[in-house]
Protein backbone atom coordinates (compact mmCIF):
# COMPACT_ATOMS: atom_id res chain seq x y z
CA UNK A 1 0.05 0.00 0.02
CA UNK A 2 1.04 3.65 -0.48
CA UNK A 3 0.52 6.47 2.12
CA UNK A 4 -2.12 8.88 0.76
CA UNK A 5 -0.29 11.75 2.01
CA UNK A 6 3.48 11.33 1.15
CA UNK A 7 3.24 8.43 -1.27
CA UNK A 8 5.74 6.30 0.42
CA UNK A 9 5.33 2.53 0.42
CA UNK A 10 3.69 1.18 3.66
CA UNK A 11 4.29 -2.20 5.19
CA UNK A 12 1.27 -4.62 5.10
CA UNK A 13 -1.37 -3.91 7.95
CA UNK A 14 0.06 -0.47 8.82
CA UNK A 15 -2.42 2.03 10.18
CA UNK A 16 0.14 5.00 10.23
CA UNK A 17 2.98 6.10 7.91
CA UNK A 18 6.29 5.88 9.61
CA UNK A 19 7.73 8.58 7.23
CA UNK A 20 5.11 11.38 7.61
CA UNK A 21 3.23 10.04 10.55
CA UNK A 22 -0.19 10.20 8.92
CA UNK A 23 -2.86 7.75 10.51
CA UNK A 24 -5.46 6.22 8.48
CA UNK A 25 -7.66 3.14 8.01
CA UNK A 26 -7.21 2.54 4.32
CA UNK A 27 -9.13 -0.16 2.62
CA UNK A 28 -10.58 -3.05 4.66
CA UNK A 29 -9.32 -5.39 7.37
CA UNK A 30 -8.27 -9.13 6.81
CA UNK A 31 -10.71 -11.06 8.87
CA UNK A 32 -7.81 -13.60 9.63
CA UNK A 33 -5.22 -11.42 10.83
CA UNK A 34 -7.00 -8.03 11.23
CA UNK A 35 -4.44 -6.17 9.09
CA UNK A 36 -5.47 -3.28 6.87
CA UNK A 37 -5.25 -4.12 3.21
CA UNK A 38 -6.46 -2.53 -0.06
CA UNK A 39 -10.20 -2.51 -0.84
CA UNK A 40 -9.67 -4.33 -3.91
CA UNK A 41 -7.26 -7.01 -2.51
CA UNK A 42 -8.04 -10.68 -3.27
CA UNK A 43 -5.34 -11.83 -0.76
CA UNK A 44 -3.86 -10.37 2.27
CA UNK A 45 -0.25 -9.16 1.70
CA UNK A 46 0.50 -9.94 5.28
CA UNK A 47 -0.70 -13.55 6.01
CA UNK A 48 -1.29 -14.48 2.27
CA UNK A 49 -4.85 -15.93 2.85
CA UNK A 50 -7.51 -15.33 0.21
CA UNK A 51 -10.15 -12.86 1.18
CA UNK A 52 -13.69 -13.62 1.30
CA UNK A 53 -15.73 -11.82 -1.49
CA UNK A 54 -19.09 -10.13 -0.80
CA UNK A 55 -22.03 -11.03 -2.83
CA UNK A 56 -23.02 -8.57 -5.54
CA UNK A 57 -24.74 -5.56 -3.96
CA UNK A 58 -23.30 -6.17 -0.50
CA UNK A 59 -20.91 -3.27 -0.88
CA UNK A 60 -23.53 -0.86 -1.00
CA UNK A 61 -25.06 -2.10 2.36
CA UNK A 62 -24.50 -0.18 5.52
CA UNK A 63 -21.82 -1.85 7.76
CA UNK A 64 -24.25 -1.82 10.60
CA UNK A 65 -26.98 -3.65 8.66
CA UNK A 66 -24.14 -6.19 7.44
CA UNK A 67 -23.37 -6.89 11.12
CA UNK A 68 -26.80 -7.92 12.04
CA UNK A 69 -27.32 -10.48 9.20
CA UNK A 70 -27.42 -14.07 9.77
CA UNK A 71 -24.10 -15.25 11.39
CA UNK A 72 -24.06 -11.77 13.03
CA UNK A 73 -23.76 -10.74 16.75
CA UNK A 74 -27.54 -10.69 17.53
CA UNK A 75 -27.72 -14.58 16.58
CA UNK A 76 -24.59 -15.31 18.57
CA UNK A 77 -25.89 -13.51 21.50
CA UNK A 78 -29.15 -15.60 21.61
CA UNK A 79 -27.20 -18.89 21.44
CA UNK A 80 -24.85 -17.88 24.23
CA UNK A 81 -27.89 -17.01 26.52
CA UNK A 82 -29.66 -20.19 25.58
CA UNK A 83 -26.54 -22.38 25.93
CA UNK A 84 -25.74 -21.00 29.32
CA UNK A 85 -29.08 -20.80 31.11
CA UNK A 86 -30.49 -24.25 30.21
CA UNK A 87 -27.24 -26.10 30.88
CA UNK A 88 -27.48 -28.44 27.77
CA UNK A 89 -31.17 -28.05 26.95
CA UNK A 90 -31.62 -25.97 24.04
CA UNK A 91 -35.09 -24.66 24.54
CA UNK A 92 -35.03 -21.93 21.87
CA UNK A 93 -37.52 -19.88 23.60
CA UNK A 94 -35.97 -16.55 22.80
CA UNK A 95 -36.35 -17.25 19.15
CA UNK A 96 -39.82 -18.76 19.97
CA UNK A 97 -40.84 -15.58 21.57
CA UNK A 98 -40.67 -13.90 18.09
CA UNK A 99 -43.47 -16.15 16.80
CA UNK A 100 -46.60 -14.20 15.88
CA UNK A 101 -48.23 -13.43 19.07
CA UNK A 102 -51.58 -13.84 17.66
CA UNK A 103 -50.97 -17.27 16.50
CA UNK A 104 -52.67 -19.15 19.30
CA UNK A 105 -55.82 -17.07 18.72
CA UNK A 106 -55.71 -17.68 15.04
CA UNK A 107 -55.10 -21.20 15.61
CA UNK A 108 -58.26 -21.45 17.66
CA UNK A 109 -60.29 -18.89 15.88
CA UNK A 110 -62.74 -21.29 14.18
CA UNK A 111 -63.17 -23.24 17.47
CA UNK A 112 -63.65 -20.07 19.42
CA UNK A 113 -66.37 -18.93 16.90
CA UNK A 114 -68.19 -22.41 17.28
CA UNK A 115 -68.05 -21.98 21.02
CA UNK A 116 -69.45 -18.63 20.89
CA UNK A 117 -72.44 -19.95 19.00
CA UNK A 118 -73.11 -22.75 21.49
CA UNK A 119 -73.99 -21.40 24.91
CA UNK A 120 -74.05 -24.96 26.38
CA UNK A 121 -70.39 -25.61 25.66
CA UNK A 122 -69.43 -22.29 27.41
CA UNK A 123 -70.68 -23.71 30.78
CA UNK A 124 -68.57 -26.86 30.55
CA UNK A 125 -65.91 -26.96 33.13
CA UNK A 126 -62.36 -26.69 32.00
CA UNK A 127 -59.98 -29.73 32.96
CA UNK A 128 -56.28 -29.15 32.70
CA UNK A 129 -55.19 -32.69 33.61
CA UNK A 130 -52.83 -34.34 31.32
CA UNK A 131 -49.65 -33.72 29.63
CA UNK A 132 -48.80 -30.55 27.85
CA UNK A 133 -46.08 -29.69 25.34
CA UNK A 134 -44.45 -26.25 24.20
CA UNK A 135 -45.65 -25.22 20.87
CA UNK A 136 -43.44 -22.20 20.25
CA UNK A 137 -40.05 -23.56 20.83
CA UNK A 138 -37.67 -23.03 17.87
CA UNK A 139 -36.23 -26.48 18.39
CA UNK A 140 -38.03 -29.71 17.56
CA UNK A 141 -35.96 -31.60 20.16
CA UNK A 142 -35.68 -29.23 23.04
CA UNK A 143 -38.62 -27.70 24.62
CA UNK A 144 -40.61 -27.54 27.82
CA UNK A 145 -43.44 -30.02 28.93
CA UNK A 146 -45.64 -30.15 31.66
CA UNK A 147 -47.88 -32.50 33.75
CA UNK A 148 -50.96 -31.43 35.32
CA UNK A 149 -52.75 -33.48 37.92
CA UNK A 150 -55.73 -31.96 39.83
CA UNK A 151 -54.22 -29.04 41.91
CA UNK A 152 -50.59 -29.64 41.01
CA UNK A 153 -48.51 -28.72 38.05
CA UNK A 154 -44.86 -29.77 37.13
CA UNK A 155 -42.95 -28.21 34.19
CA UNK A 156 -39.71 -29.74 32.81
CA UNK A 157 -37.01 -28.86 30.28
CA UNK A 158 -36.96 -31.66 27.74
CA UNK A 159 -34.12 -32.79 25.58
CA UNK A 160 -35.19 -35.62 23.33
CA UNK A 161 -31.66 -36.10 22.01
CA UNK A 162 -30.69 -37.76 25.25
CA UNK A 163 -34.26 -38.43 26.58
CA UNK A 164 -33.51 -36.29 29.57
CA UNK A 165 -35.58 -33.84 31.70
CA UNK A 166 -34.95 -31.30 34.30
CA UNK A 167 -37.57 -29.79 36.53
CA UNK A 168 -38.24 -26.08 35.93
CA UNK A 169 -41.42 -25.52 37.96
CA UNK A 170 -43.59 -27.37 40.52
CA UNK A 171 -46.51 -25.61 41.95
CA UNK A 172 -50.27 -25.17 42.21
CA UNK A 173 -53.07 -25.00 39.86
CA UNK A 174 -56.18 -23.16 40.79
CA UNK A 175 -59.46 -23.45 38.48
CA UNK A 176 -62.16 -20.78 38.49
CA UNK A 177 -65.20 -21.81 40.47
CA UNK A 178 -67.65 -20.35 38.05
CA UNK A 179 -66.79 -22.46 35.20
CA UNK A 180 -64.93 -19.61 33.22
CA UNK A 181 -62.93 -20.93 30.12
CA UNK A 182 -60.44 -18.19 30.21
CA UNK A 183 -58.77 -17.38 33.31
CA UNK A 184 -55.37 -16.70 35.06
CA UNK A 185 -53.94 -18.13 38.41
CA UNK A 186 -50.94 -17.62 40.74
CA UNK A 187 -48.94 -20.75 41.10
CA UNK A 188 -47.05 -21.18 44.38
CA UNK A 189 -43.68 -22.65 44.06
CA UNK A 190 -43.15 -26.07 45.80
CA UNK A 191 -39.62 -25.54 46.83
CA UNK A 192 -39.43 -28.94 48.54
CA UNK A 193 -39.30 -30.42 44.94
CA UNK A 194 -37.47 -27.55 43.16
CA UNK A 195 -34.73 -26.89 45.67
CA UNK A 196 -32.71 -29.70 44.36
CA UNK A 197 -33.21 -28.68 40.66
CA UNK A 198 -30.35 -26.46 39.36
CA UNK A 199 -32.45 -25.42 36.24
CA UNK A 200 -35.70 -24.60 38.55
CA UNK A 201 -37.07 -21.19 38.57
CA UNK A 202 -36.39 -19.40 42.02
CA UNK A 203 -39.48 -17.39 41.96
CA UNK A 204 -41.94 -17.75 44.76
CA UNK A 205 -44.97 -17.52 42.73
CA UNK A 206 -45.56 -17.54 38.85
CA UNK A 207 -48.61 -16.40 36.98
CA UNK A 208 -50.19 -18.70 34.49
CA UNK A 209 -53.00 -18.05 32.01
CA UNK A 210 -55.44 -20.34 30.11
CA UNK A 211 -57.31 -19.37 26.91
CA UNK A 212 -58.42 -21.42 23.94
CA UNK A 213 -56.60 -24.49 24.99
CA UNK A 214 -53.28 -22.92 25.72
CA UNK A 215 -51.39 -22.46 28.70
CA UNK A 216 -49.21 -19.57 28.84
CA UNK A 217 -46.52 -18.04 31.17
CA UNK A 218 -43.34 -16.10 31.21
CA UNK A 219 -39.77 -17.37 31.51
CA UNK A 220 -36.82 -15.15 32.08
CA UNK A 221 -33.09 -15.72 31.51
CA UNK A 222 -30.10 -13.34 31.22
CA UNK A 223 -32.30 -10.30 31.02
CA UNK A 224 -34.56 -11.61 28.32
CA UNK A 225 -38.14 -12.58 29.08
CA UNK A 226 -40.41 -14.74 26.65
CA UNK A 227 -43.70 -16.34 26.95
CA UNK A 228 -44.02 -20.11 26.76
CA UNK A 229 -47.15 -21.59 25.06
CA UNK A 230 -48.22 -25.09 26.02
CA UNK A 231 -50.75 -27.19 24.25
CA UNK A 232 -52.26 -30.47 25.51
CA UNK A 233 -50.45 -33.36 23.95
CA UNK A 234 -52.40 -36.25 22.34
CA UNK A 235 -51.81 -39.25 24.86
CA UNK A 236 -48.18 -39.53 25.27
CA UNK A 237 -47.16 -40.15 21.62
CA UNK A 238 -45.61 -36.76 21.36
CA UNK A 239 -43.65 -36.72 24.51
CA UNK A 240 -40.54 -38.90 25.29
CA UNK A 241 -40.28 -41.34 28.10
CA UNK A 242 -38.39 -38.80 30.10
CA UNK A 243 -41.67 -36.98 30.86
CA UNK A 244 -43.99 -39.97 30.70
CA UNK A 245 -42.14 -42.14 33.16
CA UNK A 246 -42.03 -41.39 36.85
CA UNK A 247 -38.80 -39.87 38.21
CA UNK A 248 -37.83 -39.39 41.74
CA UNK A 249 -36.26 -35.92 42.41
CA UNK A 250 -32.96 -36.58 44.39
CA UNK A 251 -32.32 -34.85 47.54
CA UNK A 252 -29.52 -32.30 47.43
CA UNK A 253 -26.13 -33.84 48.00
CA UNK A 254 -22.74 -32.30 48.46
CA UNK A 255 -20.49 -32.69 45.41
CA UNK A 256 -18.38 -35.66 45.75
CA UNK A 257 -16.00 -34.72 42.97
CA UNK A 258 -15.05 -31.03 43.34
CA UNK A 259 -11.79 -31.40 41.09
CA UNK A 260 -11.19 -28.84 38.36
CA UNK A 261 -11.67 -31.51 35.84
CA UNK A 262 -15.23 -32.13 37.17
CA UNK A 263 -16.16 -28.46 37.19
CA UNK A 264 -14.76 -28.05 33.57
CA UNK A 265 -16.96 -31.07 32.52
CA UNK A 266 -20.02 -29.43 34.01
CA UNK A 267 -19.42 -26.27 32.13
CA UNK A 268 -18.79 -28.02 28.97
CA UNK A 269 -22.25 -29.40 28.98
CA UNK A 270 -23.67 -26.00 28.68
CA UNK A 271 -20.99 -24.71 26.20
CA UNK A 272 -21.40 -27.56 23.82
CA UNK A 273 -25.26 -27.04 23.52
CA UNK A 274 -24.91 -23.41 22.73
CA UNK A 275 -21.81 -23.89 20.44
CA UNK A 276 -22.01 -27.44 19.16
CA UNK A 277 -18.30 -28.00 18.36
CA UNK A 278 -17.27 -24.36 18.01
CA UNK A 279 -15.49 -24.47 21.32
CA UNK A 280 -12.35 -25.67 23.29
CA UNK A 281 -12.26 -25.81 26.94
CA UNK A 282 -9.04 -26.63 28.94
CA UNK A 283 -7.58 -26.36 32.48
CA UNK A 284 -4.60 -24.34 33.00
CA UNK A 285 -2.85 -23.77 36.30
CA UNK A 286 -5.97 -24.42 38.19
CA UNK A 287 -7.98 -22.27 35.80
CA UNK A 288 -10.70 -22.90 33.38
CA UNK A 289 -10.26 -21.60 30.05
CA UNK A 290 -13.05 -21.60 27.54
CA UNK A 291 -12.84 -20.43 23.97
CA UNK A 292 -15.91 -19.98 21.78
CA UNK A 293 -16.64 -18.89 18.15
CA UNK A 294 -19.47 -18.62 15.80
CA UNK A 295 -19.56 -18.76 12.01
CA UNK A 296 -19.69 -14.99 10.55
CA UNK A 297 -18.28 -13.14 13.54
CA UNK A 298 -14.94 -12.27 11.87
CA UNK A 299 -16.68 -10.71 8.64
CA UNK A 300 -19.13 -8.70 10.79
CA UNK A 301 -16.16 -7.66 12.84
CA UNK A 302 -14.73 -6.45 9.72
CA UNK A 303 -17.84 -4.60 8.89
CA UNK A 304 -17.64 -2.81 12.17
CA UNK A 305 -14.08 -1.99 11.69
CA UNK A 306 -14.78 -0.53 8.18
CA UNK A 307 -17.38 1.73 9.68
CA UNK A 308 -14.82 3.22 12.07
CA UNK A 309 -14.05 0.45 14.57
CA UNK A 310 -15.91 1.88 17.45
CA UNK A 311 -15.74 -0.46 20.44
CA UNK A 312 -19.10 1.00 21.73
CA UNK A 313 -20.76 -0.20 18.41
CA UNK A 314 -24.23 -1.47 19.54
CA UNK A 315 -23.47 -5.00 18.11
CA UNK A 316 -20.12 -5.15 19.72
CA UNK A 317 -21.40 -4.03 23.03
CA UNK A 318 -24.03 -6.89 22.67
CA UNK A 319 -21.28 -9.44 22.38
CA UNK A 320 -19.46 -8.11 25.42
CA UNK A 321 -22.59 -8.09 27.48
CA UNK A 322 -23.32 -11.68 26.19
CA UNK A 323 -19.87 -12.69 27.31
CA UNK A 324 -20.13 -10.99 30.69
CA UNK A 325 -23.60 -12.77 31.40
CA UNK A 326 -21.88 -16.04 30.13
CA UNK A 327 -19.03 -15.62 32.83
CA UNK A 328 -21.68 -14.84 35.46
CA UNK A 329 -23.81 -17.88 34.73
CA UNK A 330 -20.76 -20.15 34.68
CA UNK A 331 -19.40 -19.04 38.11
CA UNK A 332 -22.94 -19.35 39.55
CA UNK A 333 -23.32 -22.73 38.31
CA UNK A 334 -20.09 -23.79 39.89
CA UNK A 335 -21.02 -22.24 43.26
CA UNK A 336 -24.51 -23.94 43.03
CA UNK A 337 -22.63 -27.20 42.47
CA UNK A 338 -20.55 -27.02 45.52
CA UNK A 339 -17.21 -26.41 43.59
CA UNK A 340 -14.32 -24.31 44.88
CA UNK A 341 -14.05 -20.77 43.17
CA UNK A 342 -11.94 -21.86 40.28
CA UNK A 343 -11.09 -18.91 38.07
CA UNK A 344 -12.86 -18.98 34.71
CA UNK A 345 -11.67 -17.28 31.60
CA UNK A 346 -13.70 -16.96 28.38
CA UNK A 347 -12.33 -16.00 25.02
CA UNK A 348 -14.40 -15.10 21.98
CA UNK A 349 -12.09 -16.00 18.98
CA UNK A 350 -12.02 -15.47 15.31
CA UNK A 351 -14.02 -18.03 13.48
CA UNK A 352 -11.65 -17.89 10.54
CA UNK A 353 -8.45 -17.79 12.53
CA UNK A 354 -8.52 -19.44 15.89
CA UNK A 355 -5.21 -18.03 16.89
CA UNK A 356 -6.83 -14.56 16.90
CA UNK A 357 -8.70 -13.66 19.99
CA UNK A 358 -11.32 -11.07 19.76
CA UNK A 359 -12.41 -10.81 23.37
CA UNK A 360 -11.31 -12.09 26.74
CA UNK A 361 -13.21 -12.02 30.12
CA UNK A 362 -11.57 -12.77 33.42
CA UNK A 363 -12.57 -12.07 36.98
CA UNK A 364 -15.80 -10.66 35.44
CA UNK A 365 -14.21 -7.92 33.52
CA UNK A 366 -13.17 -7.50 29.79
CA UNK A 367 -9.44 -7.71 29.82
CA UNK A 368 -8.89 -7.71 26.13
CA UNK A 369 -10.99 -6.17 23.27
CA UNK A 370 -9.62 -6.33 19.70
CA UNK A 371 -11.23 -3.08 18.79
CA UNK A 372 -9.89 -1.23 21.75
CA UNK A 373 -6.35 -2.35 20.85
CA UNK A 374 -6.78 -1.54 17.27
């Protein structure tokens, strides 16, 4: 490259001229080594790697728009939150909450109309007894399911891939005395059952609503609240044995193996669910080091850098917030499991070059930010 001020030759990746001192951000950045390269370059002069070419018309899109496309930071943030909070059970409720809020009403529009024309049907008492399954999860194999029996309700996180379940809520059911077919109730948490469940809600009470054959309630995680919709399952055909077979909730017990290897294995369950195979986890000097990556992060980072490289760019702040929440969830999980306070370090790394770290959090703070450095 050539300095735009004094026209002297510049080394690959230079952001200032060693001759005249001019500072600049010419062209674009290589997503592999972050060097500044000519905008028209098809290969990086520094690392020699071919440069990804944007599709036709992409160059005219604003960088902020590119950074929020598929593979961008918003999608990555959701996956982090899901993977951490449910500890290996990808419920997908954050994406599910984006479902058309009128869909339950639309689904039952015809049945509601016929009920309105049949006054006798409106006096029939509602029974919630039976098994219920979440209908607005973004995953077909991971969702919430419930069992209602008389005045009691139990809700579980379900993972069909390993036929596992984990208790989320155990509480009361209160039906209206006047035979109403649309109602709400406050369910009281049965903490004798939920106290031993790591993934159980800590709330003392939870508000449930019933309308048109749908039970609805809110689930909150890492600052995000979504509404879950349950519909009564036909028999047990739609639910795995994990929900249909009796299961005894174990009494809380002290963790027998509190080694750092055991702690790392526990955290790996959550990491793997959120990032599939896009992670590494290791123990170094009595420290748990986790590195994660997601497809598209490097290219979206390049878009932010081309827009000025502001470390306070909303999409970049979103990633840093997600990483901080991930750190807090991991340390809280280890504390709940009875482990010593092992130091945890989390790295967000370049998906195109795993030797390039983009963010690092340790002791609850961001200690490295590639945008701040550059």
